[in-house]
PDB file of N, CA and C in Angstrom:
ATOM      1  N   MET A   1     -11.643  -5.750   0.386  1.00  0.00           N
ATOM      2  CA  MET A   1     -10.510  -6.139   1.223  1.00  0.00           C
ATOM      3  C   MET A   1      -9.485  -7.084   0.980  1.00  0.00           C
ATOM      4  N   LYS A   2      -9.977  -8.144   0.147  1.00  0.00           N
ATOM      5  CA  LYS A   2      -9.681  -9.745  -0.219  1.00  0.00           C
ATOM      6  C   LYS A   2      -8.440  -9.275  -1.704  1.00  0.00           C
ATOM      7  N   GLU A   3      -9.117  -8.353  -2.196  1.00  0.00           N
ATOM      8  CA  GLU A   3      -8.060  -7.932  -3.207  1.00  0.00           C
ATOM      9  C   GLU A   3      -6.857  -7.640  -2.582  1.00  0.00           C
ATOM     10  N   ILE A   4      -6.592  -6.712  -1.324  1.00  0.00           N
ATOM     11  CA  ILE A   4      -5.582  -6.153  -1.156  1.00  0.00           C
ATOM     12  C   ILE A   4      -4.890  -7.265  -0.493  1.00  0.00           C
ATOM     13  N   TYR A   5      -5.849  -8.401   0.451  1.00  0.00           N
ATOM     14  CA  TYR A   5      -4.745  -9.161   1.104  1.00  0.00           C
ATOM     15  C   TYR A   5      -3.714 -10.259  -0.352  1.00  0.00           C
ATOM     16  N   LYS A   6      -4.667 -10.388  -0.990  1.00  0.00           N
ATOM     17  CA  LYS A   6      -4.264 -11.254  -2.274  1.00  0.00           C
ATOM     18  C   LYS A   6      -2.600 -10.744  -2.953  1.00  0.00           C
ATOM     19  N   LEU A   7      -3.169  -9.538  -2.981  1.00  0.00           N
ATOM     20  CA  LEU A   7      -1.854  -8.232  -3.777  1.00  0.00           C
ATOM     21  C   LEU A   7      -0.612  -8.767  -2.232  1.00  0.00           C
ATOM     22  N   MET A   8      -1.082  -8.204  -1.243  1.00  0.00           N
ATOM     23  CA  MET A   8      -0.004  -8.473  -0.179  1.00  0.00           C
ATOM     24  C   MET A   8       0.609  -9.896  -0.605  1.00  0.00           C
ATOM     25  N   ARG A   9       0.543 -11.040  -0.564  1.00  0.00           N
ATOM     26  CA  ARG A   9       0.960 -11.782  -0.530  1.00  0.00           C
ATOM     27  C   ARG A   9       1.879 -11.543  -1.724  1.00  0.00           C
ATOM     28  N   SER A  10       1.388 -11.216  -2.900  1.00  0.00           N
ATOM     29  CA  SER A  10       1.901 -11.612  -4.176  1.00  0.00           C
ATOM     30  C   SER A  10       2.885 -11.144  -4.167  1.00  0.00           C
ATOM     31  N   ALA A  11       2.931  -9.971  -3.555  1.00  0.00           N
ATOM     32  CA  ALA A  11       3.997  -8.970  -3.365  1.00  0.00           C
ATOM     33  C   ALA A  11       4.847  -9.710  -1.980  1.00  0.00           C
ATOM     34  N   GLY A  12       4.747 -10.759  -0.993  1.00  0.00           N
ATOM     35  CA  GLY A  12       5.675 -11.598  -0.816  1.00  0.00           C
ATOM     36  C   GLY A  12       5.540 -11.286   1.243  1.00  0.00           C
ATOM     37  N   ILE A  13       4.118 -10.196   1.233  1.00  0.00           N
ATOM     38  CA  ILE A  13       4.380  -9.492   2.520  1.00  0.00           C
ATOM     39  C   ILE A  13       3.608 -10.310   3.269  1.00  0.00           C
ATOM     40  N   SER A  14       4.136 -10.479   4.728  1.00  0.00           N
ATOM     41  CA  SER A  14       3.592 -11.190   5.485  1.00  0.00           C
ATOM     42  C   SER A  14       2.704 -10.995   6.843  1.00  0.00           C
ATOM     43  N   ARG A  15       2.213 -11.397   7.033  1.00  0.00           N
ATOM     44  CA  ARG A  15       0.689 -10.643   8.406  1.00  0.00           C
ATOM     45  C   ARG A  15       1.884 -10.865   9.485  1.00  0.00           C
ATOM     46  N   SER A  16       2.896 -11.355   9.743  1.00  0.00           N
ATOM     47  CA  SER A  16       4.001 -10.961  10.724  1.00  0.00           C
ATOM     48  C   SER A  16       4.596  -9.923  10.849  1.00  0.00           C
ATOM     49  N   TYR A  17       4.470  -8.991   9.579  1.00  0.00           N
ATOM     50  CA  TYR A  17       5.425  -7.832  10.090  1.00  0.00           C
ATOM     51  C   TYR A  17       4.000  -6.499  10.766  1.00  0.00           C
ATOM     52  N   ARG A  18       4.445  -5.641  11.734  1.00  0.00           N
ATOM     53  CA  ARG A  18       3.296  -5.186  12.240  1.00  0.00           C
ATOM     54  C   ARG A  18       3.338  -4.212  11.399  1.00  0.00           C
ATOM     55  N   GLY A  19       3.658  -3.656   9.674  1.00  0.00           N
ATOM     56  CA  GLY A  19       2.682  -2.728   9.530  1.00  0.00           C
ATOM     57  C   GLY A  19       2.208  -2.896   8.678  1.00  0.00           C
ATOM     58  N   TYR A  20       1.848  -4.606   9.053  1.00  0.00           N
ATOM     59  CA  TYR A  20       1.196  -5.011   7.430  1.00  0.00           C
ATOM     60  C   TYR A  20      -0.686  -4.809   7.675  1.00  0.00           C
ATOM     61  N   GLN A  21      -1.274  -4.736   8.586  1.00  0.00           N
ATOM     62  CA  GLN A  21      -2.466  -3.632   8.935  1.00  0.00           C
ATOM     63  C   GLN A  21      -3.047  -2.621   8.949  1.00  0.00           C
ATOM     64  N   TYR A  22      -1.310  -1.738   8.991  1.00  0.00           N
ATOM     65  CA  TYR A  22      -1.824  -0.622   8.607  1.00  0.00           C
ATOM     66  C   TYR A  22      -1.273  -0.404   7.537  1.00  0.00           C
ATOM     67  N   PHE A  23      -0.339  -0.540   6.495  1.00  0.00           N
ATOM     68  CA  PHE A  23      -0.195  -0.460   5.466  1.00  0.00           C
ATOM     69  C   PHE A  23      -1.536  -1.104   4.467  1.00  0.00           C
ATOM     70  N   VAL A  24      -2.713  -2.216   4.875  1.00  0.00           N
ATOM     71  CA  VAL A  24      -3.673  -2.428   4.075  1.00  0.00           C
ATOM     72  C   VAL A  24      -4.882  -1.303   4.507  1.00  0.00           C
ATOM     73  N   ALA A  25      -5.133  -0.901   5.984  1.00  0.00           N
ATOM     74  CA  ALA A  25      -5.527   0.083   5.594  1.00  0.00           C
ATOM     75  C   ALA A  25      -5.876   0.823   5.004  1.00  0.00           C
ATOM     76  N   ALA A  26      -4.485   1.612   5.103  1.00  0.00           N
ATOM     77  CA  ALA A  26      -4.293   3.141   4.173  1.00  0.00           C
ATOM     78  C   ALA A  26      -4.432   2.792   2.443  1.00  0.00           C
ATOM     79  N   VAL A  27      -3.884   1.125   1.985  1.00  0.00           N
ATOM     80  CA  VAL A  27      -4.562   0.729   0.342  1.00  0.00           C
ATOM     81  C   VAL A  27      -6.108   1.055   0.330  1.00  0.00           C
ATOM     82  N   LYS A  28      -6.936   0.415   1.387  1.00  0.00           N
ATOM     83  CA  LYS A  28      -8.417   1.273   1.722  1.00  0.00           C
ATOM     84  C   LYS A  28      -8.337   2.401   1.519  1.00  0.00           C
ATOM     85  N   MET A  29      -8.246   3.431   2.931  1.00  0.00           N
ATOM     86  CA  MET A  29      -8.874   4.349   2.443  1.00  0.00           C
ATOM     87  C   MET A  29      -8.528   4.691   1.100  1.00  0.00           C
ATOM     88  N   VAL A  30      -7.194   5.036   0.791  1.00  0.00           N
ATOM     89  CA  VAL A  30      -7.191   5.898  -0.264  1.00  0.00           C
ATOM     90  C   VAL A  30      -7.563   4.969  -1.775  1.00  0.00           C
ATOM     91  N   SER A  31      -7.702   3.825  -1.457  1.00  0.00           N
ATOM     92  CA  SER A  31      -9.218   3.347  -2.667  1.00  0.00           C
ATOM     93  C   SER A  31     -10.850   3.846  -3.018  1.00  0.00           C
ATOM     94  N   GLU A  32     -10.658   4.361  -1.270  1.00  0.00           N
ATOM     95  CA  GLU A  32     -11.835   4.885  -1.324  1.00  0.00           C
ATOM     96  C   GLU A  32     -11.985   6.767  -1.959  1.00  0.00           C
ATOM     97  N   ASP A  33     -10.939   7.304  -1.557  1.00  0.00           N
ATOM     98  CA  ASP A  33     -10.963   8.760  -1.720  1.00  0.00           C
ATOM     99  C   ASP A  33      -9.534   9.276  -1.681  1.00  0.00           C
ATOM    100  N   GLU A  34      -8.598   8.757  -3.517  1.00  0.00           N
ATOM    101  CA  GLU A  34      -7.127   9.377  -3.509  1.00  0.00           C
ATOM    102  C   GLU A  34      -6.569  10.796  -3.151  1.00  0.00           C
ATOM    103  N   THR A  35      -8.061  11.336  -3.211  1.00  0.00           N
ATOM    104  CA  THR A  35      -7.515  12.472  -2.250  1.00  0.00           C
ATOM    105  C   THR A  35      -6.727  12.691  -1.318  1.00  0.00           C
ATOM    106  N   LYS A  36      -6.948  11.492  -0.215  1.00  0.00           N
ATOM    107  CA  LYS A  36      -6.157  11.693   0.679  1.00  0.00           C
ATOM    108  C   LYS A  36      -4.669  11.388   0.648  1.00  0.00           C
ATOM    109  N   LEU A  37      -4.395  11.243  -0.330  1.00  0.00           N
ATOM    110  CA  LEU A  37      -2.511  10.917  -1.335  1.00  0.00           C
ATOM    111  C   LEU A  37      -1.936  12.008  -1.308  1.00  0.00           C
ATOM    112  N   SER A  38      -2.890  13.512  -1.035  1.00  0.00           N
ATOM    113  CA  SER A  38      -2.431  15.047  -0.960  1.00  0.00           C
ATOM    114  C   SER A  38      -2.098  15.034   0.502  1.00  0.00           C
ATOM    115  N   ASN A  39      -2.019  14.232   1.214  1.00  0.00           N
ATOM    116  CA  ASN A  39      -2.519  15.042   2.847  1.00  0.00           C
ATOM    117  C   ASN A  39      -1.947  13.807   3.334  1.00  0.00           C
ATOM    118  N   ILE A  40      -1.137  12.839   3.274  1.00  0.00           N
ATOM    119  CA  ILE A  40      -0.790  11.857   3.456  1.00  0.00           C
ATOM    120  C   ILE A  40      -0.941  11.507   5.392  1.00  0.00           C
ATOM    121  N   ARG A  41      -0.130  12.059   5.949  1.00  0.00           N
ATOM    122  CA  ARG A  41       0.579  12.354   6.710  1.00  0.00           C
ATOM    123  C   ARG A  41      -1.631  12.179   8.112  1.00  0.00           C
ATOM    124  N   LYS A  42      -1.836  13.447   7.279  1.00  0.00           N
ATOM    125  CA  LYS A  42      -2.927  13.880   8.226  1.00  0.00           C
ATOM    126  C   LYS A  42      -4.408  13.333   8.503  1.00  0.00           C
ATOM    127  N   GLU A  43      -4.870  12.838   6.664  1.00  0.00           N
ATOM    128  CA  GLU A  43      -5.560  11.941   6.147  1.00  0.00           C
ATOM    129  C   GLU A  43      -5.182  10.526   6.277  1.00  0.00           C
ATOM    130  N   VAL A  44      -3.831   9.609   6.505  1.00  0.00           N
ATOM    131  CA  VAL A  44      -4.048   8.077   6.489  1.00  0.00           C
ATOM    132  C   VAL A  44      -3.699   7.795   8.000  1.00  0.00           C
ATOM    133  N   TYR A  45      -2.577   7.982   7.807  1.00  0.00           N
ATOM    134  CA  TYR A  45      -1.878   7.659   8.576  1.00  0.00           C
ATOM    135  C   TYR A  45      -1.875   8.342   9.922  1.00  0.00           C
ATOM    136  N   LEU A  46      -2.479   9.227  10.269  1.00  0.00           N
ATOM    137  CA  LEU A  46      -3.300   9.415  11.788  1.00  0.00           C
ATOM    138  C   LEU A  46      -4.330   9.026  12.558  1.00  0.00           C
ATOM    139  N   PRO A  47      -4.659   8.749  11.428  1.00  0.00           N
ATOM    140  CA  PRO A  47      -6.560   8.264  11.411  1.00  0.00           C
ATOM    141  C   PRO A  47      -6.299   6.453  11.848  1.00  0.00           C
ATOM    142  N   ILE A  48      -5.420   6.468  10.901  1.00  0.00           N
ATOM    143  CA  ILE A  48      -4.951   4.664  11.038  1.00  0.00           C
ATOM    144  C   ILE A  48      -4.145   4.635  13.189  1.00  0.00           C
ATOM    145  N   ALA A  49      -3.115   5.439  13.401  1.00  0.00           N
ATOM    146  CA  ALA A  49      -2.229   5.573  14.211  1.00  0.00           C
ATOM    147  C   ALA A  49      -3.549   5.841  15.504  1.00  0.00           C
ATOM    148  N   ILE A  50      -4.940   6.314  15.226  1.00  0.00           N
ATOM    149  CA  ILE A  50      -5.503   6.590  16.182  1.00  0.00           C
ATOM    150  C   ILE A  50      -6.488   5.156  16.341  1.00  0.00           C
ATOM    151  N   ARG A  51      -6.583   4.422  15.085  1.00  0.00           N
ATOM    152  CA  ARG A  51      -7.839   2.985  15.236  1.00  0.00           C
ATOM    153  C   ARG A  51      -6.472   2.169  15.484  1.00  0.00           C
ATOM    154  N   TYR A  52      -5.491   2.345  15.808  1.00  0.00           N
ATOM    155  CA  TYR A  52      -4.214   1.147  16.160  1.00  0.00           C
ATOM    156  C   TYR A  52      -4.223   1.167  17.811  1.00  0.00           C
ATOM    157  N   LYS A  53      -4.266   2.626  18.111  1.00  0.00           N
ATOM    158  CA  LYS A  53      -3.957   3.634  19.333  1.00  0.00           C
ATOM    159  C   LYS A  53      -2.496   2.802  18.974  1.00  0.00           C
ATOM    160  N   GLU A  54      -1.672   3.772  18.070  1.00  0.00           N
ATOM    161  CA  GLU A  54      -0.293   3.731  18.080  1.00  0.00           C
ATOM    162  C   GLU A  54       0.128   4.642  17.782  1.00  0.00           C
ATOM    163  N   ASN A  55       1.608   5.120  18.412  1.00  0.00           N
ATOM    164  CA  ASN A  55       1.943   6.776  17.926  1.00  0.00           C
ATOM    165  C   ASN A  55       2.614   6.932  15.885  1.00  0.00           C
ATOM    166  N   ILE A  56       2.020   7.859  15.737  1.00  0.00           N
ATOM    167  CA  ILE A  56       1.997   8.143  13.972  1.00  0.00           C
ATOM    168  C   ILE A  56       3.835   7.926  13.799  1.00  0.00           C
ATOM    169  N   GLN A  57       4.377   8.277  14.046  1.00  0.00           N
ATOM    170  CA  GLN A  57       5.958   7.910  13.911  1.00  0.00           C
ATOM    171  C   GLN A  57       6.210   6.352  13.315  1.00  0.00           C
ATOM    172  N   ASN A  58       5.230   5.590  14.344  1.00  0.00           N
ATOM    173  CA  ASN A  58       5.220   4.254  14.219  1.00  0.00           C
ATOM    174  C   ASN A  58       5.010   3.242  13.327  1.00  0.00           C
ATOM    175  N   VAL A  59       3.546   4.445  12.938  1.00  0.00           N
ATOM    176  CA  VAL A  59       2.895   3.685  11.791  1.00  0.00           C
ATOM    177  C   VAL A  59       3.291   3.896  10.597  1.00  0.00           C
ATOM    178  N   GLU A  60       4.085   6.017   9.878  1.00  0.00           N
ATOM    179  CA  GLU A  60       4.925   5.524   9.509  1.00  0.00           C
ATOM    180  C   GLU A  60       5.895   4.396   8.962  1.00  0.00           C
ATOM    181  N   ARG A  61       6.718   4.235  10.363  1.00  0.00           N
ATOM    182  CA  ARG A  61       7.904   3.617  10.078  1.00  0.00           C
ATOM    183  C   ARG A  61       7.644   2.304   9.487  1.00  0.00           C
ATOM    184  N   ASP A  62       6.361   1.228  10.618  1.00  0.00           N
ATOM    185  CA  ASP A  62       6.607   0.562   9.770  1.00  0.00           C
ATOM    186  C   ASP A  62       5.504   0.090   9.043  1.00  0.00           C
ATOM    187  N   ILE A  63       5.011   1.472   7.564  1.00  0.00           N
ATOM    188  CA  ILE A  63       4.854   1.369   6.386  1.00  0.00           C
ATOM    189  C   ILE A  63       6.395   1.142   5.992  1.00  0.00           C
ATOM    190  N   ARG A  64       6.749   1.576   5.982  1.00  0.00           N
ATOM    191  CA  ARG A  64       7.930   2.036   5.203  1.00  0.00           C
ATOM    192  C   ARG A  64       9.229   0.979   5.244  1.00  0.00           C
ATOM    193  N   THR A  65       8.445   0.228   6.188  1.00  0.00           N
ATOM    194  CA  THR A  65       9.202  -1.234   6.453  1.00  0.00           C
ATOM    195  C   THR A  65       8.808  -2.571   5.558  1.00  0.00           C
ATOM    196  N   ILE A  66       7.306  -2.346   5.174  1.00  0.00           N
ATOM    197  CA  ILE A  66       7.159  -2.819   4.601  1.00  0.00           C
ATOM    198  C   ILE A  66       7.161  -2.739   3.089  1.00  0.00           C
ATOM    199  N   ARG A  67       7.371  -0.783   2.260  1.00  0.00           N
ATOM    200  CA  ARG A  67       7.939  -0.799   1.469  1.00  0.00           C
ATOM    201  C   ARG A  67       8.966  -1.247   1.280  1.00  0.00           C
ATOM    202  N   ASP A  68       9.935  -1.106   2.253  1.00  0.00           N
ATOM    203  CA  ASP A  68      11.813  -1.593   2.164  1.00  0.00           C
ATOM    204  C   ASP A  68      11.374  -3.342   1.895  1.00  0.00           C
ATOM    205  N   VAL A  69      10.936  -4.105   2.030  1.00  0.00           N
ATOM    206  CA  VAL A  69      10.562  -5.487   1.455  1.00  0.00           C
ATOM    207  C   VAL A  69      10.365  -5.726   0.935  1.00  0.00           C
ATOM    208  N   ILE A  70       9.399  -4.660  -0.135  1.00  0.00           N
ATOM    209  CA  ILE A  70       8.509  -5.044  -1.354  1.00  0.00           C
ATOM    210  C   ILE A  70      10.301  -4.785  -2.510  1.00  0.00           C
ATOM    211  N   VAL A  71      10.414  -3.872  -2.064  1.00  0.00           N
ATOM    212  CA  VAL A  71      11.641  -3.409  -2.747  1.00  0.00           C
ATOM    213  C   VAL A  71      12.825  -3.886  -2.872  1.00  0.00           C
ATOM    214  N   ARG A  72      13.067  -4.397  -1.310  1.00  0.00           N
ATOM    215  CA  ARG A  72      14.609  -5.116  -1.327  1.00  0.00           C
ATOM    216  C   ARG A  72      14.239  -6.784  -2.026  1.00  0.00           C
ATOM    217  N   ASP A  73      12.982  -7.255  -2.042  1.00  0.00           N
ATOM    218  CA  ASP A  73      12.941  -8.717  -2.300  1.00  0.00           C
ATOM    219  C   ASP A  73      11.596  -9.445  -3.181  1.00  0.00           C
ATOM    220  N   ASN A  74      11.212  -8.020  -3.875  1.00  0.00           N
ATOM    221  CA  ASN A  74      10.681  -8.432  -5.192  1.00  0.00           C
ATOM    222  C   ASN A  74      10.129  -7.316  -6.007  1.00  0.00           C
ATOM    223  N   LYS A  75      11.309  -7.017  -6.614  1.00  0.00           N
ATOM    224  CA  LYS A  75      11.121  -6.195  -7.772  1.00  0.00           C
ATOM    225  C   LYS A  75      10.064  -6.035  -8.548  1.00  0.00           C
ATOM    226  N   PRO A  76      10.694  -7.140  -9.057  1.00  0.00           N
ATOM    227  CA  PRO A  76       9.595  -7.585 -10.531  1.00  0.00           C
ATOM    228  C   PRO A  76       8.204  -7.827  -9.914  1.00  0.00           C
ATOM    229  N   PHE A  77       7.560  -8.265  -8.728  1.00  0.00           N
ATOM    230  CA  PHE A  77       6.758  -7.797  -8.693  1.00  0.00           C
ATOM    231  C   PHE A  77       6.081  -6.186  -8.738  1.00  0.00           C
ATOM    232  N   LEU A  78       6.593  -5.111  -7.969  1.00  0.00           N
ATOM    233  CA  LEU A  78       6.877  -3.851  -8.261  1.00  0.00           C
ATOM    234  C   LEU A  78       6.586  -3.820  -9.532  1.00  0.00           C
ATOM    235  N   LYS A  79       7.617  -4.279 -10.345  1.00  0.00           N
ATOM    236  CA  LYS A  79       7.869  -3.756 -11.616  1.00  0.00           C
ATOM    237  C   LYS A  79       6.209  -3.408 -12.709  1.00  0.00           C
ATOM    238  N   LYS A  80       5.578  -5.211 -12.023  1.00  0.00           N
ATOM    239  CA  LYS A  80       4.539  -5.887 -13.149  1.00  0.00           C
ATOM    240  C   LYS A  80       3.353  -4.628 -11.865  1.00  0.00           C
ATOM    241  N   LEU A  81       3.496  -4.588 -10.845  1.00  0.00           N
ATOM    242  CA  LEU A  81       2.275  -3.417 -10.432  1.00  0.00           C
ATOM    243  C   LEU A  81       2.571  -2.108 -11.103  1.00  0.00           C
ATOM    244  N   ALA A  82       3.377  -1.390 -11.168  1.00  0.00           N
ATOM    245  CA  ALA A  82       3.724  -0.307 -11.676  1.00  0.00           C
ATOM    246  C   ALA A  82       4.474  -0.229 -13.023  1.00  0.00           C
ATOM    247  N   PRO A  83       3.976  -0.218 -13.465  1.00  0.00           N
ATOM    248  CA  PRO A  83       5.442  -0.794 -14.894  1.00  0.00           C
ATOM    249  C   PRO A  83       5.692   1.062 -15.995  1.00  0.00           C
ATOM    250  N   GLY A  84       6.502   1.222 -15.820  1.00  0.00           N
ATOM    251  CA  GLY A  84       6.895   2.677 -16.480  1.00  0.00           C
ATOM    252  C   GLY A  84       7.902   3.128 -15.512  1.00  0.00           C
ATOM    253  N   GLU A  85       7.301   2.740 -13.820  1.00  0.00           N
ATOM    254  CA  GLU A  85       7.600   3.667 -12.691  1.00  0.00           C
ATOM    255  C   GLU A  85       9.520   3.204 -12.846  1.00  0.00           C
ATOM    256  N   PRO A  86       9.908   4.646 -12.359  1.00  0.00           N
ATOM    257  CA  PRO A  86      11.305   3.989 -12.338  1.00  0.00           C
ATOM    258  C   PRO A  86      12.082   3.690 -10.943  1.00  0.00           C
ATOM    259  N   TYR A  87      11.873   2.548 -10.660  1.00  0.00           N
ATOM    260  CA  TYR A  87      11.978   2.158  -9.383  1.00  0.00           C
ATOM    261  C   TYR A  87      12.740   1.643  -9.212  1.00  0.00           C
ATOM    262  N   SER A  88      14.048   0.956  -9.789  1.00  0.00           N
ATOM    263  CA  SER A  88      15.227   0.125  -9.881  1.00  0.00           C
ATOM    264  C   SER A  88      16.012   1.648 -10.151  1.00  0.00           C
ATOM    265  N   LEU A  89      15.641   2.821 -10.206  1.00  0.00           N
ATOM    266  CA  LEU A  89      15.981   3.340  -9.466  1.00  0.00           C
ATOM    267  C   LEU A  89      17.047   4.295  -8.362  1.00  0.00           C
ATOM    268  N   LYS A  90      15.525   4.050  -7.886  1.00  0.00           N
ATOM    269  CA  LYS A  90      15.274   4.651  -6.211  1.00  0.00           C
ATOM    270  C   LYS A  90      13.665   3.674  -5.656  1.00  0.00           C
ATOM    271  N   ALA A  91      13.858   4.105  -4.641  1.00  0.00           N
ATOM    272  CA  ALA A  91      12.879   3.192  -3.863  1.00  0.00           C
ATOM    273  C   ALA A  91      11.999   4.259  -3.895  1.00  0.00           C
ATOM    274  N   PRO A  92      11.278   4.213  -3.970  1.00  0.00           N
ATOM    275  CA  PRO A  92       9.104   4.969  -3.773  1.00  0.00           C
ATOM    276  C   PRO A  92       8.924   5.536  -2.845  1.00  0.00           C
ATOM    277  N   TYR A  93       8.517   6.507  -2.505  1.00  0.00           N
ATOM    278  CA  TYR A  93       8.080   6.793  -1.179  1.00  0.00           C
ATOM    279  C   TYR A  93       6.681   6.245  -0.995  1.00  0.00           C
ATOM    280  N   PRO A  94       6.864   5.692   0.613  1.00  0.00           N
ATOM    281  CA  PRO A  94       5.400   5.072   0.921  1.00  0.00           C
ATOM    282  C   PRO A  94       4.221   5.329   0.253  1.00  0.00           C
ATOM    283  N   ARG A  95       3.835   6.744  -0.168  1.00  0.00           N
ATOM    284  CA  ARG A  95       2.765   7.114  -0.826  1.00  0.00           C
ATOM    285  C   ARG A  95       2.051   6.617  -2.202  1.00  0.00           C
ATOM    286  N   GLU A  96       4.231   6.390  -2.784  1.00  0.00           N
ATOM    287  CA  GLU A  96       3.804   6.085  -4.019  1.00  0.00           C
ATOM    288  C   GLU A  96       3.645   4.543  -4.274  1.00  0.00           C
ATOM    289  N   ILE A  97       3.848   3.814  -3.732  1.00  0.00           N
ATOM    290  CA  ILE A  97       3.013   2.153  -3.182  1.00  0.00           C
ATOM    291  C   ILE A  97       1.822   2.255  -2.863  1.00  0.00           C
ATOM    292  N   ILE A  98       1.863   2.625  -2.063  1.00  0.00           N
ATOM    293  CA  ILE A  98       0.288   3.079  -1.599  1.00  0.00           C
ATOM    294  C   ILE A  98      -0.507   3.276  -2.851  1.00  0.00           C
ATOM    295  N   GLU A  99       0.186   4.380  -3.362  1.00  0.00           N
ATOM    296  CA  GLU A  99      -1.033   4.529  -4.378  1.00  0.00           C
ATOM    297  C   GLU A  99      -0.978   3.906  -5.485  1.00  0.00           C
ATOM    298  N   ALA A 100      -0.148   2.508  -5.934  1.00  0.00           N
ATOM    299  CA  ALA A 100       0.399   1.442  -7.146  1.00  0.00           C
ATOM    300  C   ALA A 100      -0.821   0.743  -6.508  1.00  0.00           C
ATOM    301  N   PHE A 101      -0.380   0.227  -4.535  1.00  0.00           N
ATOM    302  CA  PHE A 101      -1.957  -0.576  -4.760  1.00  0.00           C
ATOM    303  C   PHE A 101      -3.105  -0.391  -5.203  1.00  0.00           C
ATOM    304  N   ALA A 102      -3.840   1.076  -4.186  1.00  0.00           N
ATOM    305  CA  ALA A 102      -5.060   1.362  -4.478  1.00  0.00           C
ATOM    306  C   ALA A 102      -5.671   1.437  -5.715  1.00  0.00           C
ATOM    307  N   GLU A 103      -5.006   1.907  -6.728  1.00  0.00           N
ATOM    308  CA  GLU A 103      -4.955   1.782  -8.292  1.00  0.00           C
ATOM    309  C   GLU A 103      -4.999   0.742  -8.387  1.00  0.00           C
ATOM    310  N   TYR A 104      -4.314  -0.924  -8.443  1.00  0.00           N
ATOM    311  CA  TYR A 104      -4.162  -2.345  -8.625  1.00  0.00           C
ATOM    312  C   TYR A 104      -5.649  -2.253  -8.552  1.00  0.00           C
ATOM    313  N   VAL A 105      -5.698  -2.052  -6.838  1.00  0.00           N
ATOM    314  CA  VAL A 105      -7.320  -2.568  -6.551  1.00  0.00           C
ATOM    315  C   VAL A 105      -8.625  -2.749  -7.533  1.00  0.00           C
ATOM    316  N   LEU A 106      -8.297  -1.360  -7.410  1.00  0.00           N
ATOM    317  CA  LEU A 106      -9.149  -0.311  -8.308  1.00  0.00           C
ATOM    318  C   LEU A 106      -9.526  -0.695  -9.661  1.00  0.00           C
ATOM    319  N   GLN A 107      -8.551  -1.226 -10.044  1.00  0.00           N
ATOM    320  CA  GLN A 107      -8.751  -2.008 -11.076  1.00  0.00           C
ATOM    321  C   GLN A 107      -8.939  -3.398 -11.654  1.00  0.00           C
ATOM    322  N   ASN A 108      -8.738  -3.947 -10.778  1.00  0.00           N
ATOM    323  CA  ASN A 108      -8.843  -5.100 -10.849  1.00  0.00           C
ATOM    324  C   ASN A 108     -10.313  -5.559 -10.375  1.00  0.00           C
ATOM    325  N   SER A 109     -11.018  -4.597  -9.067  1.00  0.00           N
ATOM    326  CA  SER A 109     -12.404  -4.705  -8.718  1.00  0.00           C
ATOM    327  C   SER A 109     -13.166  -4.187  -9.968  1.00  0.00           C
ATOM    328  N   SER A 110     -12.875  -3.307 -10.752  1.00  0.00           N
ATOM    329  CA  SER A 110     -13.582  -2.790 -12.201  1.00  0.00           C
ATOM    330  C   SER A 110     -14.453  -3.827 -12.760  1.00  0.00           C
ATOM    331  N   THR A 111     -13.265  -4.301 -12.960  1.00  0.00           N
ATOM    332  CA  THR A 111     -12.607  -5.551 -13.950  1.00  0.00           C
ATOM    333  C   THR A 111     -13.112  -6.690 -13.332  1.00  0.00           C
ATOM    334  N   LYS A 112     -13.341  -7.132 -12.098  1.00  0.00           N
ATOM    335  CA  LYS A 112     -14.096  -8.311 -11.895  1.00  0.00           C
ATOM    336  C   LYS A 112     -15.928  -7.870 -12.403  1.00  0.00           C
ATOM    337  N   LYS A 113     -16.028  -6.994 -11.626  1.00  0.00           N
ATOM    338  CA  LYS A 113     -17.441  -6.323 -11.696  1.00  0.00           C
ATOM    339  C   LYS A 113     -17.833  -6.708 -12.910  1.00  0.00           C
ATOM    340  N   ALA A 114     -16.876  -6.263 -13.990  1.00  0.00           N
ATOM    341  CA  ALA A 114     -17.025  -6.155 -15.508  1.00  0.00           C
ATOM    342  C   ALA A 114     -18.058  -7.522 -15.991  1.00  0.00           C
ATOM    343  N   ARG A 115     -17.494  -8.306 -15.970  1.00  0.00           N
ATOM    344  CA  ARG A 115     -17.333  -9.783 -16.027  1.00  0.00           C
ATOM    345  C   ARG A 115     -18.535 -10.445 -15.440  1.00  0.00           C
ATOM    346  N   GLU A 116     -19.257  -9.676 -14.083  1.00  0.00           N
ATOM    347  CA  GLU A 116     -20.086 -10.836 -13.485  1.00  0.00           C
ATOM    348  C   GLU A 116     -21.766 -10.142 -14.324  1.00  0.00           C
TER     349      GLU A 116
END
């Protein structure tokens, strides 16, 4: 979980964004089970909405806001996170950002464990 928070700071995402905790929860869920990406609304957004007692549309919107901030303010970070992806041409879908964060976290946690 610490890896996700570090990554959020690196992306320039402040905890003051309403979608911050939603995004962190989504990345954690996907890093534990990547098959959730295939039905992200039902398997990720809905459980988050229930957990935080929020409307699912608000969860989706707030996660899109996180995506928009990363795309608008930190394209170099996005290119480093997902090299080779054509995000300079179009904004990624929220699920693509969540997937990139989850993959990065998994790669770094396995690298960290290998060093220990």
